[in-house]
Every structure is written in C-alpha cells, then in structure tokens.
C-alpha cells in the first residue's frame, strides 16, 4: 500500500514538473499598465503602516507589567 501511494505521488509530481507551463496558464495578450496613485493615498498608506509598526513596538516593549524585586530571607540555624 505504501509503495502504491509513493508511486502515484511520484508520477503526479513528475507530470506536473515536466508539463509545459503554457498548458496550465491561459494566454495573456495584454501588457501591464502602470496606474499612478494619488500622492495623498501613498502618504496615508505609509503613515498607516508606520502607525501599526509603532503600535506593535509599544505593545511588546511598554505594555508588559513591571516585574517586582524578589527579596530572599535566609533562616539562620
């Protein structure tokens, strides 16, 4: 049973590996066109990303509870 699964997996992998890519993907005839984004949108996305990064840094650095000092008392016999 294990040899059967191994054989089927090998055949499928090799057929996908050696199949021509054009058979798997449809033909694309149009070229990509550049779409210019407004400067306000670029600035807004950048500031939003920086705000998220700053929030994550604050969360991991400053939101931890402060650890308390532990004092050890030794008993003298």
C-alpha atoms as a PDB file:
ATOM      1  CA  UNK A   1       0.000   0.000   0.000  1.00  0.00           C
ATOM      2  CA  UNK A   2       2.832   2.391   0.815  1.00  0.00           C
ATOM      3  CA  UNK A   3       4.597   1.619  -2.454  1.00  0.00           C
ATOM      4  CA  UNK A   4       1.366   2.314  -4.338  1.00  0.00           C
ATOM      5  CA  UNK A   5       0.985   5.767  -2.723  1.00  0.00           C
ATOM      6  CA  UNK A   6       4.653   6.511  -3.319  1.00  0.00           C
ATOM      7  CA  UNK A   7       4.373   5.517  -6.962  1.00  0.00           C
ATOM      8  CA  UNK A   8       1.244   7.604  -7.563  1.00  0.00           C
ATOM      9  CA  UNK A   9       2.788  10.614  -5.821  1.00  0.00           C
ATOM     10  CA  UNK A  10       5.955  10.316  -7.870  1.00  0.00           C
ATOM     11  CA  UNK A  11       4.064  10.063 -11.158  1.00  0.00           C
ATOM     12  CA  UNK A  12       1.880  13.079 -10.351  1.00  0.00           C
ATOM     13  CA  UNK A  13       4.873  15.140  -9.224  1.00  0.00           C
ATOM     14  CA  UNK A  14       6.882  14.322 -12.330  1.00  0.00           C
ATOM     15  CA  UNK A  15       3.952  15.032 -14.646  1.00  0.00           C
ATOM     16  CA  UNK A  16       3.443  18.447 -13.060  1.00  0.00           C
ATOM     17  CA  UNK A  17       7.158  19.142 -13.143  1.00  0.00           C
ATOM     18  CA  UNK A  18       7.602  18.338 -16.826  1.00  0.00           C
ATOM     19  CA  UNK A  19       4.289  19.617 -18.174  1.00  0.00           C
ATOM     20  CA  UNK A  20       4.547  22.784 -20.248  1.00  0.00           C
ATOM     21  CA  UNK A  21       3.564  25.907 -18.342  1.00  0.00           C
ATOM     22  CA  UNK A  22       1.500  27.159 -21.269  1.00  0.00           C
ATOM     23  CA  UNK A  23      -0.878  24.235 -20.837  1.00  0.00           C
ATOM     24  CA  UNK A  24      -1.600  25.262 -17.257  1.00  0.00           C
ATOM     25  CA  UNK A  25      -1.928  29.023 -17.710  1.00  0.00           C
ATOM     26  CA  UNK A  26      -4.216  30.892 -20.104  1.00  0.00           C
ATOM     27  CA  UNK A  27      -2.651  33.075 -22.774  1.00  0.00           C
ATOM     28  CA  UNK A  28      -2.198  36.695 -21.731  1.00  0.00           C
ATOM     29  CA  UNK A  29      -2.175  39.171 -24.573  1.00  0.00           C
ATOM     30  CA  UNK A  30      -2.409  42.484 -22.710  1.00  0.00           C
ATOM     31  CA  UNK A  31       0.593  44.231 -21.238  1.00  0.00           C
ATOM     32  CA  UNK A  32       0.508  45.514 -17.696  1.00  0.00           C
ATOM     33  CA  UNK A  33      -0.250  49.195 -17.456  1.00  0.00           C
ATOM     34  CA  UNK A  34       1.070  51.486 -14.761  1.00  0.00           C
ATOM     35  CA  UNK A  35      -1.654  53.078 -12.627  1.00  0.00           C
ATOM     36  CA  UNK A  36      -0.491  56.225 -10.913  1.00  0.00           C
ATOM     37  CA  UNK A  37      -1.772  56.512  -7.359  1.00  0.00           C
ATOM     38  CA  UNK A  38      -2.612  59.892  -5.801  1.00  0.00           C
ATOM     39  CA  UNK A  39       0.098  61.239  -3.500  1.00  0.00           C
ATOM     40  CA  UNK A  40      -2.409  61.578  -0.648  1.00  0.00           C
ATOM     41  CA  UNK A  41      -3.167  57.874  -0.823  1.00  0.00           C
ATOM     42  CA  UNK A  42       0.537  56.993  -0.836  1.00  0.00           C
ATOM     43  CA  UNK A  43       1.148  59.171   2.220  1.00  0.00           C
ATOM     44  CA  UNK A  44      -1.898  57.768   4.013  1.00  0.00           C
ATOM     45  CA  UNK A  45      -0.873  54.157   3.458  1.00  0.00           C
ATOM     46  CA  UNK A  46       2.687  54.918   4.581  1.00  0.00           C
ATOM     47  CA  UNK A  47       1.537  56.682   7.744  1.00  0.00           C
ATOM     48  CA  UNK A  48      -0.917  53.888   8.498  1.00  0.00           C
ATOM     49  CA  UNK A  49       1.839  51.294   8.192  1.00  0.00           C
ATOM     50  CA  UNK A  50       4.163  53.299  10.424  1.00  0.00           C
ATOM     51  CA  UNK A  51       1.369  53.677  12.990  1.00  0.00           C
ATOM     52  CA  UNK A  52       0.810  49.908  13.023  1.00  0.00           C
ATOM     53  CA  UNK A  53       4.530  49.242  13.438  1.00  0.00           C
ATOM     54  CA  UNK A  54       4.709  51.796  16.260  1.00  0.00           C
ATOM     55  CA  UNK A  55       1.705  50.232  17.977  1.00  0.00           C
ATOM     56  CA  UNK A  56       3.274  46.783  17.807  1.00  0.00           C
ATOM     57  CA  UNK A  57       6.549  48.087  19.224  1.00  0.00           C
ATOM     58  CA  UNK A  58       4.704  49.815  22.044  1.00  0.00           C
ATOM     59  CA  UNK A  59       2.731  46.655  22.777  1.00  0.00           C
ATOM     60  CA  UNK A  60       5.778  44.418  23.029  1.00  0.00           C
ATOM     61  CA  UNK A  61       8.073  46.862  24.835  1.00  0.00           C
ATOM     62  CA  UNK A  62       5.953  49.029  27.111  1.00  0.00           C
ATOM     63  CA  UNK A  63       2.775  47.094  27.867  1.00  0.00           C
ATOM     64  CA  UNK A  64       4.485  44.387  29.925  1.00  0.00           C
ATOM     65  CA  UNK A  65       3.857  44.519  33.625  1.00  0.00           C
ATOM     66  CA  UNK A  66       6.862  45.529  35.627  1.00  0.00           C
ATOM     67  CA  UNK A  67       8.466  42.657  37.461  1.00  0.00           C
ATOM     68  CA  UNK A  68       8.767  43.010  41.201  1.00  0.00           C
ATOM     69  CA  UNK A  69      12.016  42.684  43.069  1.00  0.00           C
ATOM     70  CA  UNK A  70      12.291  39.427  44.944  1.00  0.00           C
ATOM     71  CA  UNK A  71      13.876  39.527  48.349  1.00  0.00           C
ATOM     72  CA  UNK A  72      15.282  36.378  49.783  1.00  0.00           C
ATOM     73  CA  UNK A  73      15.240  35.829  53.504  1.00  0.00           C
ATOM     74  CA  UNK A  74      17.554  33.177  54.802  1.00  0.00           C
ATOM     75  CA  UNK A  75      16.900  31.416  58.075  1.00  0.00           C
ATOM     76  CA  UNK A  76      19.820  31.232  60.448  1.00  0.00           C
ATOM     77  CA  UNK A  77      20.049  27.998  62.397  1.00  0.00           C
END
